[in-house]
Amino acid sequence: MGATNGVEVTGPLHERYDEILTDDALALIADLHRRFEGRRQELLAARKRRQAEISAGANLDFLPETREIREDPDWKVAPPAPGITDRRVEITGPTDRKMTINALNSGAKVWLADFEDANTPLWENMIGGQLNLRDALDRTIDFSTPEGKSYALKDDNGLATIVVRPRGWHLDEKHILVDGQRTSGGIVDFALYFFHCARRQLDKGKGPYFYLPKMESHLEARLWNEIFVVAQERLGIPRGTIRATVLIETIPAAFEMEEILYELREHSAGLNAGRWDYLFSMIKVHRTLGRRFLLPERNAVTMTAPFMRAYTELLVSTCHKRGAFAIGGMAAFIPSRRDPEVNERALAKVRDDKARESGDGFDGSWVAHPDLVPVAMEIFDGVLGDRPNQLDRLRDDVSVKADDLLAVDATEGGITEAGLRSNIEVALQYLAAWIGGNGAVAIHNLMEDAATAEISRSQIWQWLHNDVTLDDGPTVTRELVDRIIDEELAKLREASGAAFDAELYERARELFKEVALADDYADFLTLPAYERMP
């Protein structure tokens, strides 16, 4: 598609793509790009400077220059918006056609329609997903399997509220160029949905709502707020109509929760405890700082670890102090219809997790599978009753200091060969699926997204660079990891039989070794992975 007014679409134009990639929608992308791309790049550069300071020995702490914001008791975020006043259970998943219908029908209060970690940014996924969201709002969406099973939407009153998660600031969209430059993936995702669906949502008595991922500072939240203001002005939609929930899934952002709410206050819908990416961030930010920041193997780190308790308690108290929603983390279990014993054990853990969150004051929580909606709903119903939320529970008892958020060395658990093998095997399976176009992958009865692979490869990188000796075996070396990669691939080949895609797994192996074993640490594995995509 040739350049029009400086905008060039280089991705293929499949059936109906012209309904999304209209001149006016592309003009909104171009305007936002020209106004804000320079700032995005400045903020990404600021991340690198901050990381260099931490790697040189500086400690993260609450910002002295924003103390007045934290100590001012009077400011609040905007009041709850229609359709997201009650968020007791939210379901997450990508925007493919089947998932769109199942998520909206699931009985959850909110669907996080994901263009980020549970999605692969294939061009077809990004534009096809926008079509699916618009079709869902128009009630023209349906889906049938090759076996003849049909899916259709329930009545509007029973559908979850759509909340879209665009890509993070670090990700580009290489198929839409403005003045010859790649655009921001997040701005593209936001602009296309906002342009086509904001008024459709308002007509249904709701609004254009978003989840904002991977932020590391309140200045990044300020950029989103300015984008919201411009977009609303361009479309003639009242300022403050947009509402955004920010995922606190990086350790730098944990020190700026109040400031993030403050920057977005006229558009804020709260904060979410994005716990798996938070673990990834904790490893990533402190990866070169020795054993003080050495986490046990991935499956040993639970939400009861002291540094994770500090993070979630601070999030709830911060949100409720400012009238904002506090949304809990993901229950990733996928119920099995063939193994009731596995189900019983896993569902007990899910119930315990949701009981802890609801008891701590969270207003809602996430699940990855429709079968978990009634499980989580029962737990939150037991605490909330007829109330839509527990914003009135202020948690004045919470007092979290910087050292509490950084107390990684108080985490119990070891590092075993089984843990190393699990990191390698799960990461290989996930990356093979991701490269193949699927970002939400069922592995061992868990719905995994990019955070799992990020934790897995980051732990291995950290263990290698800290000469970690396994509790039950040798020191972690490149040679050991290489050998286990070969062994785990052989097991996957045997288990998959004819379905094993050797070419896909070879690409996954290459990518995994690049992000887990190279001397230079890749900030996000999705960056080199995206460059491998068409």
Protein backbone atom coordinates (compact mmCIF):
# COMPACT_ATOMS: atom_id res chain seq x y z
CA MET A 1 0.00 0.00 0.00
CA GLY A 2 1.64 3.24 -1.14
CA ALA A 3 2.33 6.19 1.14
CA THR A 4 -0.62 8.55 1.73
CA ASN A 5 0.13 11.78 3.63
CA GLY A 6 3.39 10.25 4.79
CA VAL A 7 1.81 6.98 5.99
CA GLU A 8 2.87 3.72 4.37
CA VAL A 9 1.35 0.32 5.15
CA THR A 10 3.87 -2.39 4.25
CA GLY A 11 1.88 -5.37 5.55
CA PRO A 12 -0.31 -7.38 3.20
CA LEU A 13 -3.89 -6.16 2.82
CA HIS A 14 -6.05 -9.20 3.40
CA GLU A 15 -9.83 -9.35 3.16
CA ARG A 16 -11.56 -6.51 5.06
CA TYR A 17 -8.29 -4.91 6.26
CA ASP A 18 -9.37 -1.76 4.46
CA GLU A 19 -12.19 -1.49 7.04
CA ILE A 20 -9.57 -0.99 9.78
CA LEU A 21 -6.76 0.73 7.87
CA THR A 22 -8.88 3.65 6.71
CA ASP A 23 -7.36 6.99 5.76
CA ASP A 24 -8.82 8.65 8.86
CA ALA A 25 -7.59 5.94 11.23
CA LEU A 26 -4.11 6.11 9.71
CA ALA A 27 -4.21 9.90 9.98
CA LEU A 28 -4.78 9.54 13.74
CA ILE A 29 -1.76 7.21 13.97
CA ALA A 30 0.32 9.70 11.97
CA ASP A 31 -0.68 12.62 14.16
CA LEU A 32 0.13 10.76 17.38
CA HIS A 33 3.42 9.52 15.94
CA ARG A 34 4.56 12.97 14.86
CA ARG A 35 3.63 14.51 18.20
CA PHE A 36 4.94 11.82 20.53
CA GLU A 37 7.51 9.53 18.90
CA GLY A 38 10.39 11.76 20.00
CA ARG A 39 9.18 11.56 23.59
CA ARG A 40 8.81 7.79 23.40
CA GLN A 41 12.42 7.48 22.31
CA GLU A 42 13.57 9.82 25.08
CA LEU A 43 11.76 7.70 27.65
CA LEU A 44 13.28 4.48 26.29
CA ALA A 45 16.70 6.11 26.52
CA ALA A 46 15.91 7.15 30.11
CA ARG A 47 15.23 3.48 30.93
CA LYS A 48 18.72 2.58 29.74
CA ARG A 49 20.32 5.36 31.80
CA ARG A 50 18.46 4.25 34.90
CA GLN A 51 19.46 0.64 34.34
CA ALA A 52 23.11 1.69 33.99
CA GLU A 53 22.89 3.52 37.33
CA ILE A 54 21.39 0.47 39.06
CA SER A 55 23.96 -1.85 37.52
CA ALA A 56 26.64 0.49 38.86
CA GLY A 57 25.26 0.10 42.38
CA ALA A 58 22.46 2.69 42.80
CA ASN A 59 19.47 1.50 44.82
CA LEU A 60 15.89 1.92 43.69
CA ASP A 61 13.91 4.12 46.06
CA PHE A 62 10.82 6.29 46.23
CA LEU A 63 11.46 9.53 44.34
CA PRO A 64 12.31 12.54 46.53
CA GLU A 65 11.23 14.94 43.78
CA THR A 66 7.64 13.62 43.85
CA ARG A 67 7.27 13.44 47.64
CA GLU A 68 4.58 16.15 47.59
CA ILE A 69 2.34 14.03 45.36
CA ARG A 70 2.63 11.06 47.73
CA GLU A 71 2.08 13.16 50.83
CA ASP A 72 -0.88 15.19 49.50
CA PRO A 73 -3.96 13.44 50.96
CA ASP A 74 -6.52 15.31 48.86
CA TRP A 75 -6.18 14.20 45.24
CA LYS A 76 -8.18 11.27 43.85
CA VAL A 77 -8.51 9.56 40.48
CA ALA A 78 -11.68 9.87 38.40
CA PRO A 79 -14.77 8.06 39.76
CA PRO A 80 -15.47 4.55 38.43
CA ALA A 81 -16.69 4.46 34.83
CA PRO A 82 -19.74 2.60 33.46
CA GLY A 83 -19.02 -1.07 32.80
CA ILE A 84 -15.98 -1.25 35.07
CA THR A 85 -17.45 -0.41 38.47
CA ASP A 86 -17.57 -4.13 39.33
CA ARG A 87 -14.40 -5.94 38.23
CA ARG A 88 -14.41 -8.89 40.61
CA VAL A 89 -13.36 -11.38 37.92
CA GLU A 90 -11.53 -10.52 34.70
CA ILE A 91 -10.58 -12.98 31.98
CA THR A 92 -7.54 -12.45 29.77
CA GLY A 93 -6.66 -13.68 26.31
CA PRO A 94 -5.78 -12.79 22.73
CA THR A 95 -8.24 -11.33 20.22
CA ASP A 96 -8.65 -14.27 17.85
CA ARG A 97 -12.24 -14.90 16.82
CA LYS A 98 -12.98 -17.90 19.04
CA MET A 99 -11.38 -16.34 22.12
CA THR A 100 -13.26 -13.09 21.55
CA ILE A 101 -16.60 -14.89 21.70
CA ASN A 102 -15.67 -17.21 24.58
CA ALA A 103 -14.20 -14.42 26.69
CA LEU A 104 -17.17 -12.12 26.21
CA ASN A 105 -19.55 -15.00 27.03
CA SER A 106 -17.49 -16.28 29.98
CA GLY A 107 -19.44 -14.63 32.80
CA ALA A 108 -16.42 -12.53 33.77
CA LYS A 109 -17.06 -8.84 34.39
CA VAL A 110 -14.16 -7.72 32.16
CA TRP A 111 -12.25 -9.19 29.24
CA LEU A 112 -8.65 -8.05 28.83
CA ALA A 113 -8.47 -8.16 25.03
CA ASP A 114 -4.77 -8.70 24.60
CA PHE A 115 -2.55 -7.36 21.84
CA GLU A 116 0.50 -7.82 24.07
CA ASP A 117 1.95 -10.75 26.06
CA ALA A 118 -0.76 -13.34 25.28
CA ASN A 119 -0.53 -12.46 21.61
CA THR A 120 2.10 -12.79 18.91
CA PRO A 121 2.46 -9.52 16.96
CA LEU A 122 2.00 -11.12 13.56
CA TRP A 123 0.46 -8.55 11.22
CA GLU A 124 -2.54 -10.84 10.74
CA ASN A 125 -3.09 -11.09 14.52
CA MET A 126 -2.92 -7.34 15.03
CA ILE A 127 -5.31 -6.25 12.26
CA GLY A 128 -7.49 -9.36 12.48
CA GLY A 129 -7.87 -8.73 16.20
CA GLN A 130 -9.06 -5.17 15.57
CA LEU A 131 -11.66 -6.52 13.14
CA ASN A 132 -12.83 -9.06 15.71
CA LEU A 133 -13.31 -6.40 18.39
CA ARG A 134 -15.30 -4.19 16.04
CA ASP A 135 -17.39 -7.13 14.84
CA ALA A 136 -18.07 -8.12 18.45
CA LEU A 137 -19.36 -4.63 19.26
CA ASP A 138 -21.50 -4.74 16.10
CA ARG A 139 -22.66 -8.27 17.03
CA THR A 140 -21.63 -9.56 13.60
CA ILE A 141 -19.06 -12.01 14.97
CA ASP A 142 -19.40 -15.78 14.88
CA PHE A 143 -17.08 -18.77 14.63
CA SER A 144 -17.34 -22.41 13.60
CA THR A 145 -14.78 -25.16 14.02
CA PRO A 146 -13.96 -27.63 11.21
CA GLU A 147 -15.91 -30.19 13.25
CA GLY A 148 -19.03 -28.00 13.01
CA LYS A 149 -19.14 -26.55 16.54
CA SER A 150 -20.53 -23.01 16.42
CA TYR A 151 -19.87 -20.03 18.69
CA ALA A 152 -22.02 -16.89 18.96
CA LEU A 153 -22.46 -14.03 21.43
CA LYS A 154 -24.96 -14.05 24.27
CA ASP A 155 -27.22 -11.09 24.96
CA ASP A 156 -25.30 -7.81 25.42
CA ASN A 157 -26.28 -7.58 29.09
CA GLY A 158 -24.35 -10.75 29.88
CA LEU A 159 -21.15 -9.85 28.07
CA ALA A 160 -17.87 -8.87 29.70
CA THR A 161 -16.65 -5.29 29.25
CA ILE A 162 -13.81 -5.06 26.74
CA VAL A 163 -10.56 -3.56 28.07
CA VAL A 164 -7.81 -3.53 25.43
CA ARG A 165 -4.13 -4.07 26.25
CA PRO A 166 -1.93 -2.45 23.58
CA ARG A 167 1.74 -3.25 23.20
CA GLY A 168 4.34 -1.71 25.52
CA TRP A 169 6.45 1.36 24.75
CA HIS A 170 9.46 -0.74 23.71
CA LEU A 171 7.72 -2.47 20.80
CA ASP A 172 7.51 -1.11 17.24
CA GLU A 173 4.99 -1.80 14.50
CA LYS A 174 7.15 -2.41 11.45
CA HIS A 175 4.25 -2.67 8.98
CA ILE A 176 3.02 0.93 9.42
CA LEU A 177 5.55 3.66 8.67
CA VAL A 178 5.07 7.38 9.18
CA ASP A 179 7.52 9.60 7.27
CA GLY A 180 9.62 6.47 6.72
CA GLN A 181 9.81 5.64 10.46
CA ARG A 182 8.43 2.61 12.24
CA THR A 183 5.54 3.48 14.50
CA SER A 184 4.96 2.57 18.15
CA GLY A 185 3.11 -0.74 18.46
CA GLY A 186 1.23 0.60 21.48
CA ILE A 187 0.09 3.75 19.71
CA VAL A 188 -1.04 1.73 16.67
CA ASP A 189 -3.05 -0.70 18.82
CA PHE A 190 -4.58 2.13 20.85
CA ALA A 191 -5.38 4.38 17.88
CA LEU A 192 -7.02 1.72 15.72
CA TYR A 193 -9.24 0.50 18.56
CA PHE A 194 -10.07 4.00 19.78
CA PHE A 195 -10.87 5.28 16.30
CA HIS A 196 -13.17 2.40 15.38
CA CYS A 197 -14.64 1.37 18.74
CA ALA A 198 -14.79 4.33 21.14
CA ARG A 199 -18.20 5.50 19.95
CA ARG A 200 -19.43 1.93 19.59
CA GLN A 201 -18.60 1.37 23.27
CA LEU A 202 -20.22 4.65 24.30
CA ASP A 203 -23.37 3.66 22.41
CA LYS A 204 -23.49 0.53 24.59
CA GLY A 205 -23.28 2.61 27.76
CA LYS A 206 -19.62 1.80 28.42
CA GLY A 207 -16.47 3.41 27.06
CA PRO A 208 -13.01 2.96 25.52
CA TYR A 209 -10.97 1.30 28.25
CA PHE A 210 -7.34 0.14 28.26
CA TYR A 211 -4.73 -1.83 30.19
CA LEU A 212 -1.27 -0.22 29.90
CA PRO A 213 1.69 -2.63 30.17
CA LYS A 214 5.42 -2.58 30.94
CA MET A 215 5.71 1.01 32.14
CA GLU A 216 8.74 1.90 34.25
CA SER A 217 8.02 5.47 35.37
CA HIS A 218 5.34 8.08 35.94
CA LEU A 219 6.73 10.02 32.98
CA GLU A 220 5.72 7.11 30.74
CA ALA A 221 2.22 7.34 32.23
CA ARG A 222 2.24 11.09 31.53
CA LEU A 223 2.90 10.33 27.86
CA TRP A 224 -0.12 8.04 27.70
CA ASN A 225 -2.25 10.72 29.35
CA GLU A 226 -1.23 13.29 26.77
CA ILE A 227 -2.02 10.83 23.97
CA PHE A 228 -5.47 10.24 25.46
CA VAL A 229 -6.16 13.99 25.56
CA VAL A 230 -5.18 14.50 21.91
CA ALA A 231 -7.11 11.43 20.69
CA GLN A 232 -10.28 12.50 22.49
CA GLU A 233 -10.01 16.02 21.08
CA ARG A 234 -9.54 14.71 17.53
CA LEU A 235 -12.63 12.49 17.71
CA GLY A 236 -14.75 15.00 19.63
CA ILE A 237 -15.09 12.71 22.64
CA PRO A 238 -15.22 14.34 26.08
CA ARG A 239 -11.93 14.49 27.95
CA GLY A 240 -11.83 11.83 30.66
CA THR A 241 -13.94 9.32 28.72
CA ILE A 242 -10.96 7.01 28.29
CA ARG A 243 -10.05 4.98 31.35
CA ALA A 244 -6.80 3.07 31.79
CA THR A 245 -5.60 0.48 34.27
CA VAL A 246 -1.81 0.31 34.58
CA LEU A 247 -0.06 -2.99 35.10
CA ILE A 248 2.55 -2.62 37.81
CA GLU A 249 4.79 -5.31 36.39
CA THR A 250 8.23 -3.71 36.65
CA ILE A 251 10.15 -3.07 39.84
CA PRO A 252 10.88 0.60 38.93
CA ALA A 253 7.13 1.23 38.54
CA ALA A 254 6.48 -0.26 41.98
CA PHE A 255 8.31 2.73 43.44
CA GLU A 256 6.10 5.15 41.47
CA MET A 257 2.58 3.74 41.91
CA GLU A 258 1.09 6.94 43.33
CA GLU A 259 2.80 9.11 40.75
CA ILE A 260 1.49 6.89 37.93
CA LEU A 261 -2.06 7.23 39.28
CA TYR A 262 -1.54 10.98 39.60
CA GLU A 263 -0.39 11.43 36.00
CA LEU A 264 -3.40 9.49 34.70
CA ARG A 265 -5.85 10.60 37.38
CA GLU A 266 -8.54 11.98 35.00
CA HIS A 267 -8.25 8.77 32.95
CA SER A 268 -7.28 6.29 35.66
CA ALA A 269 -9.14 3.08 36.44
CA GLY A 270 -6.54 1.67 38.83
CA LEU A 271 -3.52 -0.62 38.96
CA ASN A 272 -3.01 -4.34 38.38
CA ALA A 273 -0.49 -6.63 40.05
CA GLY A 274 1.16 -8.10 36.94
CA ARG A 275 3.06 -10.57 39.04
CA TRP A 276 4.83 -12.81 36.52
CA ASP A 277 6.33 -9.92 34.59
CA TYR A 278 7.19 -8.37 37.95
CA LEU A 279 9.38 -11.38 38.72
CA PHE A 280 10.98 -11.04 35.28
CA SER A 281 11.66 -7.36 35.97
CA MET A 282 13.17 -8.07 39.39
CA ILE A 283 15.66 -10.47 37.79
CA LYS A 284 16.31 -8.27 34.76
CA VAL A 285 16.97 -5.04 36.66
CA HIS A 286 19.28 -6.66 39.25
CA ARG A 287 20.80 -9.39 37.10
CA THR A 288 24.41 -8.22 37.54
CA LEU A 289 24.24 -7.39 41.26
CA GLY A 290 25.18 -10.75 42.70
CA ARG A 291 23.53 -13.23 45.01
CA ARG A 292 21.48 -10.70 46.98
CA PHE A 293 19.10 -10.65 44.01
CA LEU A 294 19.30 -14.34 43.12
CA LEU A 295 15.80 -15.81 43.08
CA PRO A 296 15.05 -19.50 43.60
CA GLU A 297 13.81 -21.44 40.58
CA ARG A 298 10.66 -20.11 38.94
CA ASN A 299 8.11 -22.55 40.38
CA ALA A 300 9.36 -22.03 43.95
CA VAL A 301 8.58 -18.30 44.06
CA THR A 302 5.06 -17.74 45.37
CA MET A 303 2.98 -14.71 46.25
CA THR A 304 3.77 -15.29 49.92
CA ALA A 305 7.45 -14.41 49.41
CA PRO A 306 8.13 -11.29 51.52
CA PHE A 307 9.04 -9.04 48.58
CA MET A 308 5.90 -10.11 46.69
CA ARG A 309 3.70 -9.52 49.74
CA ALA A 310 5.18 -6.03 50.09
CA TYR A 311 4.43 -5.30 46.43
CA THR A 312 0.79 -6.44 46.49
CA GLU A 313 -0.01 -4.86 49.86
CA LEU A 314 1.46 -1.53 48.71
CA LEU A 315 -0.57 -1.73 45.50
CA VAL A 316 -3.88 -2.20 47.31
CA SER A 317 -3.23 0.53 49.87
CA THR A 318 -2.01 2.96 47.19
CA CYS A 319 -5.01 2.38 44.95
CA HIS A 320 -7.67 2.65 47.64
CA LYS A 321 -6.07 5.76 49.13
CA ARG A 322 -6.70 7.42 45.75
CA GLY A 323 -10.08 5.89 44.90
CA ALA A 324 -8.57 3.57 42.27
CA PHE A 325 -9.24 -0.13 41.65
CA ALA A 326 -6.67 -2.72 42.72
CA ILE A 327 -6.79 -5.77 40.46
CA GLY A 328 -5.00 -8.98 41.38
CA GLY A 329 -2.88 -11.41 39.40
CA MET A 330 -3.45 -14.24 36.99
CA ALA A 331 -4.73 -17.72 37.78
CA ALA A 332 -3.20 -19.52 34.80
CA PHE A 333 -4.49 -23.05 35.46
CA ILE A 334 -6.38 -24.76 32.62
CA PRO A 335 -8.84 -27.30 34.04
CA SER A 336 -8.52 -30.81 32.68
CA ARG A 337 -11.63 -32.79 31.83
CA ARG A 338 -9.59 -36.01 31.97
CA ASP A 339 -7.68 -35.74 35.25
CA PRO A 340 -9.88 -34.88 38.25
CA GLU A 341 -6.95 -35.34 40.66
CA VAL A 342 -4.90 -32.66 38.91
CA ASN A 343 -7.97 -30.43 38.90
CA GLU A 344 -8.60 -30.86 42.60
CA ARG A 345 -5.04 -29.91 43.59
CA ALA A 346 -4.85 -26.98 41.18
CA LEU A 347 -8.28 -25.57 42.00
CA ALA A 348 -7.42 -25.64 45.70
CA LYS A 349 -4.40 -23.44 44.90
CA VAL A 350 -6.55 -21.12 42.79
CA ARG A 351 -9.05 -20.76 45.64
CA ASP A 352 -6.28 -20.05 48.13
CA ASP A 353 -4.79 -17.46 45.80
CA LYS A 354 -8.10 -15.65 45.23
CA ALA A 355 -8.99 -15.86 48.93
CA ARG A 356 -5.68 -14.17 49.77
CA GLU A 357 -6.26 -11.45 47.16
CA SER A 358 -9.86 -10.74 48.14
CA GLY A 359 -8.89 -10.81 51.81
CA ASP A 360 -6.08 -8.33 51.15
CA GLY A 361 -8.55 -5.86 49.66
CA PHE A 362 -8.20 -6.41 45.91
CA ASP A 363 -11.32 -5.42 43.98
CA GLY A 364 -10.95 -8.24 41.48
CA SER A 365 -8.56 -10.68 39.88
CA TRP A 366 -7.62 -12.39 36.64
CA VAL A 367 -8.21 -15.86 35.24
CA ALA A 368 -6.98 -17.35 31.98
CA HIS A 369 -9.73 -19.91 31.32
CA PRO A 370 -13.55 -19.61 31.29
CA ASP A 371 -13.87 -22.62 33.63
CA LEU A 372 -12.08 -20.61 36.36
CA VAL A 373 -14.54 -17.71 36.21
CA PRO A 374 -17.11 -19.30 38.58
CA VAL A 375 -14.31 -20.43 40.93
CA ALA A 376 -12.88 -16.93 41.30
CA MET A 377 -16.37 -15.40 41.29
CA GLU A 378 -17.43 -17.53 44.26
CA ILE A 379 -14.42 -16.38 46.30
CA PHE A 380 -14.90 -12.67 45.53
CA ASP A 381 -18.67 -12.91 45.99
CA GLY A 382 -18.00 -14.24 49.47
CA VAL A 383 -16.07 -11.10 50.37
CA LEU A 384 -17.90 -8.47 48.33
CA GLY A 385 -21.48 -9.71 48.57
CA ASP A 386 -23.69 -7.16 46.82
CA ARG A 387 -20.99 -4.46 46.85
CA PRO A 388 -19.36 -3.85 43.44
CA ASN A 389 -15.88 -3.39 44.93
CA GLN A 390 -14.06 -2.70 48.19
CA LEU A 391 -12.64 0.73 47.45
CA ASP A 392 -13.66 1.74 50.96
CA ARG A 393 -11.11 -0.66 52.48
CA LEU A 394 -8.17 1.71 52.83
CA ARG A 395 -5.54 -0.63 54.32
CA ASP A 396 -4.13 2.05 56.63
CA ASP A 397 -2.28 -0.80 58.36
CA VAL A 398 0.11 -1.18 55.41
CA SER A 399 3.58 0.36 55.66
CA VAL A 400 6.05 -0.68 52.96
CA LYS A 401 9.61 0.61 52.75
CA ALA A 402 12.04 0.42 49.86
CA ASP A 403 13.96 -2.43 51.50
CA ASP A 404 10.74 -4.46 51.74
CA LEU A 405 10.21 -4.26 47.98
CA LEU A 406 13.82 -5.37 47.39
CA ALA A 407 14.02 -8.20 49.95
CA VAL A 408 14.67 -10.88 47.33
CA ASP A 409 17.19 -12.66 49.55
CA ALA A 410 14.42 -13.50 52.04
CA THR A 411 12.73 -15.77 49.46
CA GLU A 412 12.77 -19.45 50.35
CA GLY A 413 13.58 -22.12 47.78
CA GLY A 414 16.44 -23.70 45.91
CA ILE A 415 17.78 -24.09 42.39
CA THR A 416 17.69 -27.67 41.12
CA GLU A 417 18.34 -29.51 37.89
CA ALA A 418 14.59 -30.07 37.61
CA GLY A 419 14.08 -26.30 37.85
CA LEU A 420 16.70 -25.66 35.17
CA ARG A 421 15.15 -28.29 32.91
CA SER A 422 11.68 -26.85 33.44
CA ASN A 423 12.85 -23.37 32.47
CA ILE A 424 14.43 -24.72 29.29
CA GLU A 425 11.58 -27.04 28.27
CA VAL A 426 8.79 -24.53 28.89
CA ALA A 427 10.68 -21.70 27.18
CA LEU A 428 11.36 -23.85 24.09
CA GLN A 429 7.71 -24.87 23.84
CA TYR A 430 6.52 -21.31 24.30
CA LEU A 431 8.97 -19.78 21.83
CA ALA A 432 8.13 -22.36 19.16
CA ALA A 433 4.46 -21.48 19.52
CA TRP A 434 5.19 -17.73 19.60
CA ILE A 435 7.25 -17.84 16.41
CA GLY A 436 4.43 -19.87 14.88
CA GLY A 437 1.90 -17.14 15.66
CA ASN A 438 0.39 -18.14 19.02
CA GLY A 439 1.16 -16.10 22.15
CA ALA A 440 -1.17 -17.87 24.62
CA VAL A 441 0.11 -21.42 24.96
CA ALA A 442 -1.21 -24.30 27.07
CA ILE A 443 1.77 -26.06 28.71
CA HIS A 444 1.35 -28.56 31.56
CA ASN A 445 -2.20 -27.40 32.32
CA LEU A 446 -1.13 -23.74 32.53
CA MET A 447 -1.87 -20.94 30.09
CA GLU A 448 1.52 -19.38 29.52
CA ASP A 449 2.33 -16.04 27.95
CA ALA A 450 5.58 -14.20 27.20
CA ALA A 451 6.28 -13.54 30.90
CA THR A 452 6.96 -17.24 31.51
CA ALA A 453 9.61 -17.38 28.80
CA GLU A 454 11.09 -14.09 30.03
CA ILE A 455 11.45 -15.39 33.60
CA SER A 456 12.85 -18.71 32.37
CA ARG A 457 15.56 -17.30 30.12
CA SER A 458 16.42 -14.48 32.56
CA GLN A 459 16.95 -16.92 35.42
CA ILE A 460 19.27 -19.01 33.30
CA TRP A 461 21.22 -15.90 32.24
CA GLN A 462 21.51 -14.85 35.89
CA TRP A 463 22.56 -18.32 37.06
CA LEU A 464 25.24 -18.50 34.37
CA HIS A 465 26.66 -15.11 35.28
CA ASN A 466 26.68 -15.87 39.02
CA ASP A 467 28.32 -19.32 38.80
CA VAL A 468 25.32 -20.93 40.47
CA THR A 469 25.73 -24.55 41.53
CA LEU A 470 22.54 -26.58 41.43
CA ASP A 471 21.36 -27.96 44.76
CA ASP A 472 21.53 -31.46 43.34
CA GLY A 473 24.13 -31.17 40.62
CA PRO A 474 26.85 -29.26 38.83
CA THR A 475 27.51 -25.56 38.27
CA VAL A 476 25.30 -23.98 35.61
CA THR A 477 27.45 -23.52 32.48
CA ARG A 478 26.76 -22.94 28.80
CA GLU A 479 27.81 -26.53 28.14
CA LEU A 480 25.31 -27.86 30.68
CA VAL A 481 22.51 -25.71 29.28
CA ASP A 482 23.37 -26.77 25.71
CA ARG A 483 23.23 -30.43 26.71
CA ILE A 484 19.88 -30.04 28.48
CA ILE A 485 18.46 -28.14 25.50
CA ASP A 486 19.30 -31.12 23.28
CA GLU A 487 17.82 -33.57 25.78
CA GLU A 488 14.59 -31.60 26.24
CA LEU A 489 14.16 -31.17 22.50
CA ALA A 490 14.58 -34.94 22.07
CA LYS A 491 11.84 -35.53 24.67
CA LEU A 492 9.53 -33.05 22.95
CA ARG A 493 10.19 -34.71 19.59
CA GLU A 494 9.35 -38.13 21.02
CA ALA A 495 6.23 -36.91 22.80
CA SER A 496 4.92 -35.03 19.75
CA GLY A 497 5.63 -37.68 17.15
CA ALA A 498 4.62 -36.64 13.65
CA ALA A 499 3.28 -33.33 14.98
CA PHE A 500 6.79 -32.17 15.94
CA ASP A 501 7.79 -29.19 13.79
CA ALA A 502 11.57 -29.53 13.56
CA GLU A 503 12.06 -26.25 11.69
CA LEU A 504 10.00 -24.28 14.22
CA TYR A 505 11.82 -25.79 17.19
CA GLU A 506 15.18 -25.10 15.59
CA ARG A 507 14.23 -21.44 15.33
CA ALA A 508 13.07 -21.55 18.96
CA ARG A 509 16.40 -23.08 20.02
CA GLU A 510 18.34 -20.37 18.19
CA LEU A 511 16.26 -17.60 19.75
CA PHE A 512 16.43 -19.12 23.23
CA LYS A 513 20.20 -19.40 23.13
CA GLU A 514 20.45 -15.80 21.96
CA VAL A 515 18.40 -14.43 24.87
CA ALA A 516 19.57 -16.86 27.59
CA LEU A 517 23.23 -17.53 26.83
CA ALA A 518 24.63 -14.46 25.07
CA ASP A 519 26.92 -12.18 27.08
CA ASP A 520 24.77 -9.18 26.18
CA TYR A 521 21.37 -9.43 27.83
CA ALA A 522 18.40 -8.66 25.55
CA ASP A 523 15.96 -6.32 27.34
CA PHE A 524 12.97 -8.23 25.95
CA LEU A 525 13.04 -11.52 24.06
CA THR A 526 10.15 -10.24 21.92
CA LEU A 527 12.48 -7.70 20.30
CA PRO A 528 14.75 -10.19 18.49
CA ALA A 529 11.75 -12.52 18.07
CA TYR A 530 9.75 -9.83 16.23
CA GLU A 531 12.62 -9.27 13.80
CA ARG A 532 12.40 -12.98 12.89
CA MET A 533 8.75 -12.54 11.86
CA PRO A 534 7.46 -11.57 8.43
